[in-house]
Structures are given as structure tokens and as C-alpha cells.
Amino acid sequence: SKFQQKTPIPSYLLAIVVGALVSKPIGPISSVWAEQEQID
């Protein structure tokens, strides 16, 4: 997976997650991610 953060951030806002995740849209620019059992 490849990522780009174009807006400058402090180091404490660097974040990573790797897991069995799925997503569901909740708004024009938003989705929620969770494991399948919690997504709905």
C-alpha cells in the first residue's frame, strides 16, 4: 500500500494500522473502518 500526506504534520500524528479491515461510507469525504463484525 502506498500513501501520501501532503499537509505537514508533527511526528506524533504519524500513524499505521494493519488488520482485517473493511469500510463503509458515512459521508461525502468519510468512511468508517472496522473489522467486519463491527462495521454496521
PDB file of all heavy atoms in Angstrom:
ATOM      1  N   SER A   1       0.850  -1.188   0.000  1.00  0.00           N
ATOM      2  CA  SER A   1       0.000   0.000   0.000  1.00  0.00           C
ATOM      3  C   SER A   1       0.884   1.235   0.000  1.00  0.00           C
ATOM      4  O   SER A   1       1.904   1.271   0.696  1.00  0.00           O
ATOM      5  CB  SER A   1      -0.909   0.010   1.240  1.00  0.00           C
ATOM      6  OG  SER A   1      -1.714  -1.150   1.311  1.00  0.00           O
ATOM      7  N   LYS A   2       0.493   2.253  -0.779  1.00  0.00           N
ATOM      8  CA  LYS A   2       1.286   3.479  -0.870  1.00  0.00           C
ATOM      9  C   LYS A   2       0.437   4.673  -0.437  1.00  0.00           C
ATOM     10  O   LYS A   2      -0.748   4.757  -0.774  1.00  0.00           O
ATOM     11  CB  LYS A   2       1.809   3.670  -2.291  1.00  0.00           C
ATOM     12  CG  LYS A   2       2.784   2.571  -2.716  1.00  0.00           C
ATOM     13  CD  LYS A   2       3.414   2.839  -4.075  1.00  0.00           C
ATOM     14  CE  LYS A   2       4.426   1.750  -4.410  1.00  0.00           C
ATOM     15  NZ  LYS A   2       5.104   1.990  -5.708  1.00  0.00           N
ATOM     16  N   PHE A   3       1.080   5.591   0.290  1.00  0.00           N
ATOM     17  CA  PHE A   3       0.372   6.705   0.904  1.00  0.00           C
ATOM     18  C   PHE A   3       1.109   8.013   0.664  1.00  0.00           C
ATOM     19  O   PHE A   3       2.328   8.037   0.474  1.00  0.00           O
ATOM     20  CB  PHE A   3       0.250   6.477   2.415  1.00  0.00           C
ATOM     21  CG  PHE A   3      -0.437   5.195   2.784  1.00  0.00           C
ATOM     22  CD1 PHE A   3       0.297   4.025   2.951  1.00  0.00           C
ATOM     23  CD2 PHE A   3      -1.808   5.148   2.956  1.00  0.00           C
ATOM     24  CE1 PHE A   3      -0.332   2.835   3.286  1.00  0.00           C
ATOM     25  CE2 PHE A   3      -2.442   3.965   3.297  1.00  0.00           C
ATOM     26  CZ  PHE A   3      -1.696   2.802   3.465  1.00  0.00           C
ATOM     27  N   GLN A   4       0.323   9.085   0.740  1.00  0.00           N
ATOM     28  CA  GLN A   4       0.892  10.423   0.614  1.00  0.00           C
ATOM     29  C   GLN A   4       0.170  11.357   1.580  1.00  0.00           C
ATOM     30  O   GLN A   4      -1.060  11.418   1.597  1.00  0.00           O
ATOM     31  CB  GLN A   4       0.752  10.942  -0.817  1.00  0.00           C
ATOM     32  CG  GLN A   4       1.397  12.297  -1.052  1.00  0.00           C
ATOM     33  CD  GLN A   4       1.251  12.757  -2.498  1.00  0.00           C
ATOM     34  OE1 GLN A   4       0.136  12.886  -3.009  1.00  0.00           O
ATOM     35  NE2 GLN A   4       2.368  12.976  -3.162  1.00  0.00           N
ATOM     36  N   GLN A   5       0.962  12.074   2.381  1.00  0.00           N
ATOM     37  CA  GLN A   5       0.423  13.124   3.243  1.00  0.00           C
ATOM     38  C   GLN A   5       1.043  14.438   2.800  1.00  0.00           C
ATOM     39  O   GLN A   5       2.217  14.697   3.042  1.00  0.00           O
ATOM     40  CB  GLN A   5       0.733  12.837   4.714  1.00  0.00           C
ATOM     41  CG  GLN A   5       0.226  13.889   5.689  1.00  0.00           C
ATOM     42  CD  GLN A   5      -1.259  14.197   5.526  1.00  0.00           C
ATOM     43  OE1 GLN A   5      -1.613  15.176   4.832  1.00  0.00           O
ATOM     44  NE2 GLN A   5      -2.116  13.362   6.105  1.00  0.00           N
ATOM     45  N   LYS A   6       0.232  15.262   2.144  1.00  0.00           N
ATOM     46  CA  LYS A   6       0.746  16.496   1.537  1.00  0.00           C
ATOM     47  C   LYS A   6       0.716  17.687   2.493  1.00  0.00           C
ATOM     48  O   LYS A   6       1.312  18.724   2.196  1.00  0.00           O
ATOM     49  CB  LYS A   6      -0.067  16.828   0.280  1.00  0.00           C
ATOM     50  CG  LYS A   6       0.078  15.797  -0.836  1.00  0.00           C
ATOM     51  CD  LYS A   6      -0.673  16.209  -2.093  1.00  0.00           C
ATOM     52  CE  LYS A   6      -2.169  16.117  -1.901  1.00  0.00           C
ATOM     53  NZ  LYS A   6      -2.927  16.381  -3.164  1.00  0.00           N
ATOM     54  N   THR A   7       0.008  17.542   3.607  1.00  0.00           N
ATOM     55  CA  THR A   7      -0.060  18.626   4.588  1.00  0.00           C
ATOM     56  C   THR A   7       0.923  18.329   5.716  1.00  0.00           C
ATOM     57  O   THR A   7       0.921  17.225   6.258  1.00  0.00           O
ATOM     58  CB  THR A   7      -1.484  18.750   5.143  1.00  0.00           C
ATOM     59  OG1 THR A   7      -2.393  18.970   4.063  1.00  0.00           O
ATOM     60  CG2 THR A   7      -1.583  19.908   6.124  1.00  0.00           C
ATOM     61  N   PRO A   8       1.768  19.277   6.092  1.00  0.00           N
ATOM     62  CA  PRO A   8       2.779  19.000   7.119  1.00  0.00           C
ATOM     63  C   PRO A   8       2.149  18.609   8.463  1.00  0.00           C
ATOM     64  O   PRO A   8       1.171  19.223   8.903  1.00  0.00           O
ATOM     65  CB  PRO A   8       3.549  20.323   7.238  1.00  0.00           C
ATOM     66  CG  PRO A   8       3.294  21.037   5.952  1.00  0.00           C
ATOM     67  CD  PRO A   8       1.910  20.650   5.539  1.00  0.00           C
ATOM     68  N   ILE A   9       2.733  17.581   9.091  1.00  0.00           N
ATOM     69  CA  ILE A   9       2.247  17.099  10.380  1.00  0.00           C
ATOM     70  C   ILE A   9       3.414  16.981  11.362  1.00  0.00           C
ATOM     71  O   ILE A   9       4.557  16.782  10.954  1.00  0.00           O
ATOM     72  CB  ILE A   9       1.561  15.721  10.256  1.00  0.00           C
ATOM     73  CG1 ILE A   9       2.568  14.656   9.773  1.00  0.00           C
ATOM     74  CG2 ILE A   9       0.350  15.794   9.340  1.00  0.00           C
ATOM     75  CD1 ILE A   9       2.084  13.233   9.927  1.00  0.00           C
ATOM     76  N   PRO A  10       3.145  17.092  12.662  1.00  0.00           N
ATOM     77  CA  PRO A  10       4.171  16.743  13.652  1.00  0.00           C
ATOM     78  C   PRO A  10       4.302  15.224  13.733  1.00  0.00           C
ATOM     79  O   PRO A  10       3.399  14.482  13.329  1.00  0.00           O
ATOM     80  CB  PRO A  10       3.614  17.328  14.952  1.00  0.00           C
ATOM     81  CG  PRO A  10       2.133  17.332  14.748  1.00  0.00           C
ATOM     82  CD  PRO A  10       1.900  17.574  13.285  1.00  0.00           C
ATOM     83  N   SER A  11       5.393  14.762  14.293  1.00  0.00           N
ATOM     84  CA  SER A  11       5.684  13.322  14.314  1.00  0.00           C
ATOM     85  C   SER A  11       4.619  12.521  15.055  1.00  0.00           C
ATOM     86  O   SER A  11       4.357  11.363  14.698  1.00  0.00           O
ATOM     87  CB  SER A  11       7.052  13.079  14.953  1.00  0.00           C
ATOM     88  OG  SER A  11       7.126  13.681  16.233  1.00  0.00           O
ATOM     89  N   TYR A  12       3.976  13.100  16.071  1.00  0.00           N
ATOM     90  CA  TYR A  12       3.015  12.314  16.846  1.00  0.00           C
ATOM     91  C   TYR A  12       1.753  11.978  16.047  1.00  0.00           C
ATOM     92  O   TYR A  12       0.956  11.134  16.480  1.00  0.00           O
ATOM     93  CB  TYR A  12       2.667  13.019  18.164  1.00  0.00           C
ATOM     94  CG  TYR A  12       1.759  14.227  18.066  1.00  0.00           C
ATOM     95  CD1 TYR A  12       0.380  14.096  17.950  1.00  0.00           C
ATOM     96  CD2 TYR A  12       2.279  15.527  18.133  1.00  0.00           C
ATOM     97  CE1 TYR A  12      -0.456  15.206  17.881  1.00  0.00           C
ATOM     98  CE2 TYR A  12       1.452  16.631  18.070  1.00  0.00           C
ATOM     99  CZ  TYR A  12       0.095  16.471  17.941  1.00  0.00           C
ATOM    100  OH  TYR A  12      -0.736  17.577  17.878  1.00  0.00           O
ATOM    101  N   LEU A  13       1.581  12.593  14.881  1.00  0.00           N
ATOM    102  CA  LEU A  13       0.422  12.287  14.043  1.00  0.00           C
ATOM    103  C   LEU A  13       0.729  11.250  12.966  1.00  0.00           C
ATOM    104  O   LEU A  13      -0.128  10.932  12.136  1.00  0.00           O
ATOM    105  CB  LEU A  13      -0.123  13.559  13.394  1.00  0.00           C
ATOM    106  CG  LEU A  13      -0.766  14.559  14.354  1.00  0.00           C
ATOM    107  CD1 LEU A  13      -1.245  15.798  13.613  1.00  0.00           C
ATOM    108  CD2 LEU A  13      -1.928  13.931  15.130  1.00  0.00           C
ATOM    109  N   LEU A  14       1.928  10.712  12.969  1.00  0.00           N
ATOM    110  CA  LEU A  14       2.232   9.584  12.095  1.00  0.00           C
ATOM    111  C   LEU A  14       1.515   8.357  12.643  1.00  0.00           C
ATOM    112  O   LEU A  14       1.590   8.067  13.839  1.00  0.00           O
ATOM    113  CB  LEU A  14       3.743   9.346  12.066  1.00  0.00           C
ATOM    114  CG  LEU A  14       4.252   8.260  11.121  1.00  0.00           C
ATOM    115  CD1 LEU A  14       4.002   8.636   9.672  1.00  0.00           C
ATOM    116  CD2 LEU A  14       5.741   8.008  11.359  1.00  0.00           C
ATOM    117  N   ALA A  15       0.796   7.630  11.790  1.00  0.00           N
ATOM    118  CA  ALA A  15       0.000   6.503  12.283  1.00  0.00           C
ATOM    119  C   ALA A  15      -0.047   5.390  11.246  1.00  0.00           C
ATOM    120  O   ALA A  15      -0.017   5.641  10.039  1.00  0.00           O
ATOM    121  CB  ALA A  15      -1.420   6.956  12.619  1.00  0.00           C
ATOM    122  N   ILE A  16      -0.137   4.168  11.759  1.00  0.00           N
ATOM    123  CA  ILE A  16      -0.226   2.981  10.911  1.00  0.00           C
ATOM    124  C   ILE A  16      -1.186   1.997  11.554  1.00  0.00           C
ATOM    125  O   ILE A  16      -1.253   1.877  12.781  1.00  0.00           O
ATOM    126  CB  ILE A  16       1.176   2.338  10.723  1.00  0.00           C
ATOM    127  CG1 ILE A  16       1.069   1.020   9.936  1.00  0.00           C
ATOM    128  CG2 ILE A  16       1.873   2.121  12.053  1.00  0.00           C
ATOM    129  CD1 ILE A  16       2.404   0.360   9.666  1.00  0.00           C
ATOM    130  N   VAL A  17      -1.926   1.285  10.719  1.00  0.00           N
ATOM    131  CA  VAL A  17      -2.745   0.163  11.181  1.00  0.00           C
ATOM    132  C   VAL A  17      -2.748  -0.884  10.079  1.00  0.00           C
ATOM    133  O   VAL A  17      -2.809  -0.555   8.887  1.00  0.00           O
ATOM    134  CB  VAL A  17      -4.185   0.610  11.533  1.00  0.00           C
ATOM    135  CG1 VAL A  17      -4.892   1.208  10.328  1.00  0.00           C
ATOM    136  CG2 VAL A  17      -5.002  -0.540  12.094  1.00  0.00           C
ATOM    137  N   VAL A  18      -2.642  -2.133  10.482  1.00  0.00           N
ATOM    138  CA  VAL A  18      -2.685  -3.254   9.538  1.00  0.00           C
ATOM    139  C   VAL A  18      -3.558  -4.331  10.168  1.00  0.00           C
ATOM    140  O   VAL A  18      -3.286  -4.795  11.282  1.00  0.00           O
ATOM    141  CB  VAL A  18      -1.281  -3.818   9.251  1.00  0.00           C
ATOM    142  CG1 VAL A  18      -1.379  -4.988   8.265  1.00  0.00           C
ATOM    143  CG2 VAL A  18      -0.362  -2.741   8.691  1.00  0.00           C
ATOM    144  N   GLY A  19      -4.616  -4.709   9.472  1.00  0.00           N
ATOM    145  CA  GLY A  19      -5.507  -5.721  10.015  1.00  0.00           C
ATOM    146  C   GLY A  19      -6.572  -6.115   9.014  1.00  0.00           C
ATOM    147  O   GLY A  19      -6.624  -5.601   7.891  1.00  0.00           O
ATOM    148  N   ALA A  20      -7.447  -7.005   9.431  1.00  0.00           N
ATOM    149  CA  ALA A  20      -8.560  -7.451   8.589  1.00  0.00           C
ATOM    150  C   ALA A  20      -9.677  -6.425   8.687  1.00  0.00           C
ATOM    151  O   ALA A  20     -10.607  -6.557   9.489  1.00  0.00           O
ATOM    152  CB  ALA A  20      -9.042  -8.827   9.037  1.00  0.00           C
ATOM    153  N   LEU A  21      -9.573  -5.379   7.882  1.00  0.00           N
ATOM    154  CA  LEU A  21     -10.457  -4.227   7.985  1.00  0.00           C
ATOM    155  C   LEU A  21     -11.324  -4.084   6.745  1.00  0.00           C
ATOM    156  O   LEU A  21     -10.889  -4.367   5.623  1.00  0.00           O
ATOM    157  CB  LEU A  21      -9.628  -2.954   8.186  1.00  0.00           C
ATOM    158  CG  LEU A  21      -8.760  -2.916   9.446  1.00  0.00           C
ATOM    159  CD1 LEU A  21      -7.774  -1.768   9.382  1.00  0.00           C
ATOM    160  CD2 LEU A  21      -9.635  -2.804  10.688  1.00  0.00           C
ATOM    161  N   VAL A  22     -12.544  -3.615   6.972  1.00  0.00           N
ATOM    162  CA  VAL A  22     -13.455  -3.280   5.876  1.00  0.00           C
ATOM    163  C   VAL A  22     -13.972  -1.874   6.135  1.00  0.00           C
ATOM    164  O   VAL A  22     -13.846  -1.337   7.242  1.00  0.00           O
ATOM    165  CB  VAL A  22     -14.626  -4.277   5.771  1.00  0.00           C
ATOM    166  CG1 VAL A  22     -14.117  -5.662   5.417  1.00  0.00           C
ATOM    167  CG2 VAL A  22     -15.416  -4.322   7.076  1.00  0.00           C
ATOM    168  N   SER A  23     -14.573  -1.250   5.113  1.00  0.00           N
ATOM    169  CA  SER A  23     -15.054   0.125   5.267  1.00  0.00           C
ATOM    170  C   SER A  23     -16.487   0.256   4.781  1.00  0.00           C
ATOM    171  O   SER A  23     -16.993  -0.574   4.018  1.00  0.00           O
ATOM    172  CB  SER A  23     -14.154   1.099   4.500  1.00  0.00           C
ATOM    173  OG  SER A  23     -14.247   0.875   3.102  1.00  0.00           O
ATOM    174  N   LYS A  24     -17.113   1.360   5.239  1.00  0.00           N
ATOM    175  CA  LYS A  24     -18.475   1.681   4.823  1.00  0.00           C
ATOM    176  C   LYS A  24     -18.613   3.196   4.781  1.00  0.00           C
ATOM    177  O   LYS A  24     -18.219   3.875   5.732  1.00  0.00           O
ATOM    178  CB  LYS A  24     -19.479   1.079   5.812  1.00  0.00           C
ATOM    179  CG  LYS A  24     -20.924   1.106   5.329  1.00  0.00           C
ATOM    180  CD  LYS A  24     -21.812   0.255   6.235  1.00  0.00           C
ATOM    181  CE  LYS A  24     -23.229   0.167   5.687  1.00  0.00           C
ATOM    182  NZ  LYS A  24     -24.091  -0.711   6.524  1.00  0.00           N
ATOM    183  N   PRO A  25     -19.141   3.769   3.694  1.00  0.00           N
ATOM    184  CA  PRO A  25     -19.269   5.235   3.606  1.00  0.00           C
ATOM    185  C   PRO A  25     -20.223   5.782   4.657  1.00  0.00           C
ATOM    186  O   PRO A  25     -21.262   5.188   4.939  1.00  0.00           O
ATOM    187  CB  PRO A  25     -19.821   5.458   2.193  1.00  0.00           C
ATOM    188  CG  PRO A  25     -19.521   4.202   1.438  1.00  0.00           C
ATOM    189  CD  PRO A  25     -19.583   3.102   2.455  1.00  0.00           C
ATOM    190  N   ILE A  26     -19.850   6.949   5.231  1.00  0.00           N
ATOM    191  CA  ILE A  26     -20.740   7.623   6.188  1.00  0.00           C
ATOM    192  C   ILE A  26     -20.852   9.113   5.873  1.00  0.00           C
ATOM    193  O   ILE A  26     -21.404   9.867   6.675  1.00  0.00           O
ATOM    194  CB  ILE A  26     -20.268   7.425   7.636  1.00  0.00           C
ATOM    195  CG1 ILE A  26     -18.808   7.859   7.822  1.00  0.00           C
ATOM    196  CG2 ILE A  26     -20.477   5.987   8.085  1.00  0.00           C
ATOM    197  CD1 ILE A  26     -18.344   7.860   9.272  1.00  0.00           C
ATOM    198  N   GLY A  27     -20.342   9.557   4.727  1.00  0.00           N
ATOM    199  CA  GLY A  27     -20.426  10.964   4.368  1.00  0.00           C
ATOM    200  C   GLY A  27     -19.671  11.230   3.076  1.00  0.00           C
ATOM    201  O   GLY A  27     -18.989  10.350   2.549  1.00  0.00           O
ATOM    202  N   PRO A  28     -19.779  12.450   2.546  1.00  0.00           N
ATOM    203  CA  PRO A  28     -19.146  12.784   1.262  1.00  0.00           C
ATOM    204  C   PRO A  28     -17.642  12.560   1.239  1.00  0.00           C
ATOM    205  O   PRO A  28     -17.084  12.177   0.198  1.00  0.00           O
ATOM    206  CB  PRO A  28     -19.485  14.273   1.091  1.00  0.00           C
ATOM    207  CG  PRO A  28     -20.695  14.501   1.927  1.00  0.00           C
ATOM    208  CD  PRO A  28     -20.558  13.577   3.094  1.00  0.00           C
ATOM    209  N   ILE A  29     -16.950  12.815   2.362  1.00  0.00           N
ATOM    210  CA  ILE A  29     -15.498  12.613   2.394  1.00  0.00           C
ATOM    211  C   ILE A  29     -15.108  11.614   3.474  1.00  0.00           C
ATOM    212  O   ILE A  29     -13.940  11.541   3.860  1.00  0.00           O
ATOM    213  CB  ILE A  29     -14.741  13.943   2.613  1.00  0.00           C
ATOM    214  CG1 ILE A  29     -15.112  14.571   3.970  1.00  0.00           C
ATOM    215  CG2 ILE A  29     -14.997  14.912   1.486  1.00  0.00           C
ATOM    216  CD1 ILE A  29     -14.203  15.737   4.372  1.00  0.00           C
ATOM    217  N   SER A  30     -16.078  10.816   3.944  1.00  0.00           N
ATOM    218  CA  SER A  30     -15.819   9.967   5.110  1.00  0.00           C
ATOM    219  C   SER A  30     -16.298   8.536   4.916  1.00  0.00           C
ATOM    220  O   SER A  30     -17.358   8.290   4.345  1.00  0.00           O
ATOM    221  CB  SER A  30     -16.514  10.541   6.356  1.00  0.00           C
ATOM    222  OG  SER A  30     -16.066  11.842   6.643  1.00  0.00           O
ATOM    223  N   SER A  31     -15.494   7.616   5.430  1.00  0.00           N
ATOM    224  CA  SER A  31     -15.881   6.218   5.604  1.00  0.00           C
ATOM    225  C   SER A  31     -15.482   5.806   7.008  1.00  0.00           C
ATOM    226  O   SER A  31     -14.590   6.400   7.615  1.00  0.00           O
ATOM    227  CB  SER A  31     -15.178   5.317   4.588  1.00  0.00           C
ATOM    228  OG  SER A  31     -15.631   5.563   3.274  1.00  0.00           O
ATOM    229  N   VAL A  32     -16.151   4.793   7.519  1.00  0.00           N
ATOM    230  CA  VAL A  32     -15.723   4.202   8.784  1.00  0.00           C
ATOM    231  C   VAL A  32     -15.093   2.852   8.471  1.00  0.00           C
ATOM    232  O   VAL A  32     -15.570   2.110   7.609  1.00  0.00           O
ATOM    233  CB  VAL A  32     -16.899   4.058   9.776  1.00  0.00           C
ATOM    234  CG1 VAL A  32     -17.976   3.124   9.261  1.00  0.00           C
ATOM    235  CG2 VAL A  32     -16.403   3.610  11.141  1.00  0.00           C
ATOM    236  N   TRP A  33     -13.977   2.560   9.155  1.00  0.00           N
ATOM    237  CA  TRP A  33     -13.265   1.295   9.017  1.00  0.00           C
ATOM    238  C   TRP A  33     -13.396   0.521  10.323  1.00  0.00           C
ATOM    239  O   TRP A  33     -13.358   1.098  11.413  1.00  0.00           O
ATOM    240  CB  TRP A  33     -11.790   1.528   8.728  1.00  0.00           C
ATOM    241  CG  TRP A  33     -11.501   2.131   7.379  1.00  0.00           C
ATOM    242  CD1 TRP A  33     -11.537   3.449   7.039  1.00  0.00           C
ATOM    243  CD2 TRP A  33     -11.118   1.425   6.203  1.00  0.00           C
ATOM    244  NE1 TRP A  33     -11.202   3.619   5.719  1.00  0.00           N
ATOM    245  CE2 TRP A  33     -10.928   2.388   5.178  1.00  0.00           C
ATOM    246  CE3 TRP A  33     -10.898   0.083   5.908  1.00  0.00           C
ATOM    247  CZ2 TRP A  33     -10.542   2.043   3.885  1.00  0.00           C
ATOM    248  CZ3 TRP A  33     -10.507  -0.268   4.619  1.00  0.00           C
ATOM    249  CH2 TRP A  33     -10.337   0.699   3.623  1.00  0.00           C
ATOM    250  N   ALA A  34     -13.536  -0.794  10.197  1.00  0.00           N
ATOM    251  CA  ALA A  34     -13.610  -1.655  11.376  1.00  0.00           C
ATOM    252  C   ALA A  34     -13.448  -3.088  10.911  1.00  0.00           C
ATOM    253  O   ALA A  34     -13.406  -3.384   9.696  1.00  0.00           O
ATOM    254  CB  ALA A  34     -14.946  -1.473  12.100  1.00  0.00           C
ATOM    255  N   GLU A  35     -13.339  -3.988  11.855  1.00  0.00           N
ATOM    256  CA  GLU A  35     -13.443  -5.390  11.492  1.00  0.00           C
ATOM    257  C   GLU A  35     -14.884  -5.667  11.056  1.00  0.00           C
ATOM    258  O   GLU A  35     -15.821  -4.981  11.459  1.00  0.00           O
ATOM    259  CB  GLU A  35     -13.046  -6.271  12.669  1.00  0.00           C
ATOM    260  CG  GLU A  35     -11.559  -6.185  13.013  1.00  0.00           C
ATOM    261  CD  GLU A  35     -11.152  -7.176  14.073  1.00  0.00           C
ATOM    262  OE1 GLU A  35     -11.190  -8.391  13.798  1.00  0.00           O
ATOM    263  OE2 GLU A  35     -10.803  -6.746  15.187  1.00  0.00           O
ATOM    264  N   GLN A  36     -15.061  -6.685  10.221  1.00  0.00           N
ATOM    265  CA  GLN A  36     -16.361  -6.972   9.622  1.00  0.00           C
ATOM    266  C   GLN A  36     -17.460  -7.085  10.671  1.00  0.00           C
ATOM    267  O   GLN A  36     -18.588  -6.621  10.459  1.00  0.00           O
ATOM    268  CB  GLN A  36     -16.282  -8.277   8.822  1.00  0.00           C
ATOM    269  CG  GLN A  36     -17.570  -8.659   8.116  1.00  0.00           C
ATOM    270  CD  GLN A  36     -17.949  -7.674   7.022  1.00  0.00           C
ATOM    271  OE1 GLN A  36     -17.196  -7.485   6.076  1.00  0.00           O
ATOM    272  NE2 GLN A  36     -19.116  -7.042   7.131  1.00  0.00           N
ATOM    273  N   GLU A  37     -17.132  -7.654  11.825  1.00  0.00           N
ATOM    274  CA  GLU A  37     -18.132  -7.903  12.855  1.00  0.00           C
ATOM    275  C   GLU A  37     -18.695  -6.624  13.455  1.00  0.00           C
ATOM    276  O   GLU A  37     -19.750  -6.656  14.094  1.00  0.00           O
ATOM    277  CB  GLU A  37     -17.525  -8.764  13.968  1.00  0.00           C
ATOM    278  CG  GLU A  37     -17.165 -10.183  13.560  1.00  0.00           C
ATOM    279  CD  GLU A  37     -15.870 -10.268  12.752  1.00  0.00           C
ATOM    280  OE1 GLU A  37     -15.171  -9.238  12.609  1.00  0.00           O
ATOM    281  OE2 GLU A  37     -15.561 -11.366  12.263  1.00  0.00           O
ATOM    282  N   GLN A  38     -18.013  -5.488  13.283  1.00  0.00           N
ATOM    283  CA  GLN A  38     -18.455  -4.232  13.893  1.00  0.00           C
ATOM    284  C   GLN A  38     -18.855  -3.172  12.882  1.00  0.00           C
ATOM    285  O   GLN A  38     -19.319  -2.103  13.293  1.00  0.00           O
ATOM    286  CB  GLN A  38     -17.334  -3.661  14.772  1.00  0.00           C
ATOM    287  CG  GLN A  38     -17.079  -4.380  16.071  1.00  0.00           C
ATOM    288  CD  GLN A  38     -16.065  -3.638  16.921  1.00  0.00           C
ATOM    289  OE1 GLN A  38     -14.961  -3.330  16.469  1.00  0.00           O
ATOM    290  NE2 GLN A  38     -16.418  -3.343  18.154  1.00  0.00           N
ATOM    291  N   ILE A  39     -18.709  -3.417  11.605  1.00  0.00           N
ATOM    292  CA  ILE A  39     -18.793  -2.331  10.632  1.00  0.00           C
ATOM    293  C   ILE A  39     -20.184  -1.705  10.577  1.00  0.00           C
ATOM    294  O   ILE A  39     -20.316  -0.471  10.525  1.00  0.00           O
ATOM    295  CB  ILE A  39     -18.339  -2.805   9.230  1.00  0.00           C
ATOM    296  CG1 ILE A  39     -18.189  -1.611   8.296  1.00  0.00           C
ATOM    297  CG2 ILE A  39     -19.249  -3.873   8.666  1.00  0.00           C
ATOM    298  CD1 ILE A  39     -17.110  -0.635   8.693  1.00  0.00           C
ATOM    299  N   ASP A  40     -21.243  -2.501  10.605  1.00  0.00           N
ATOM    300  CA  ASP A  40     -22.589  -1.925  10.505  1.00  0.00           C
ATOM    301  C   ASP A  40     -22.936  -1.123  11.757  1.00  0.00           C
ATOM    302  O   ASP A  40     -23.511  -0.023  11.668  1.00  0.00           O
ATOM    303  CB  ASP A  40     -23.622  -3.033  10.283  1.00  0.00           C
ATOM    304  CG  ASP A  40     -23.508  -3.678   8.906  1.00  0.00           C
ATOM    305  OD1 ASP A  40     -22.999  -3.009   7.976  1.00  0.00           O
ATOM    306  OD2 ASP A  40     -23.905  -4.850   8.768  1.00  0.00           O
TER     307      ASP A  40
END
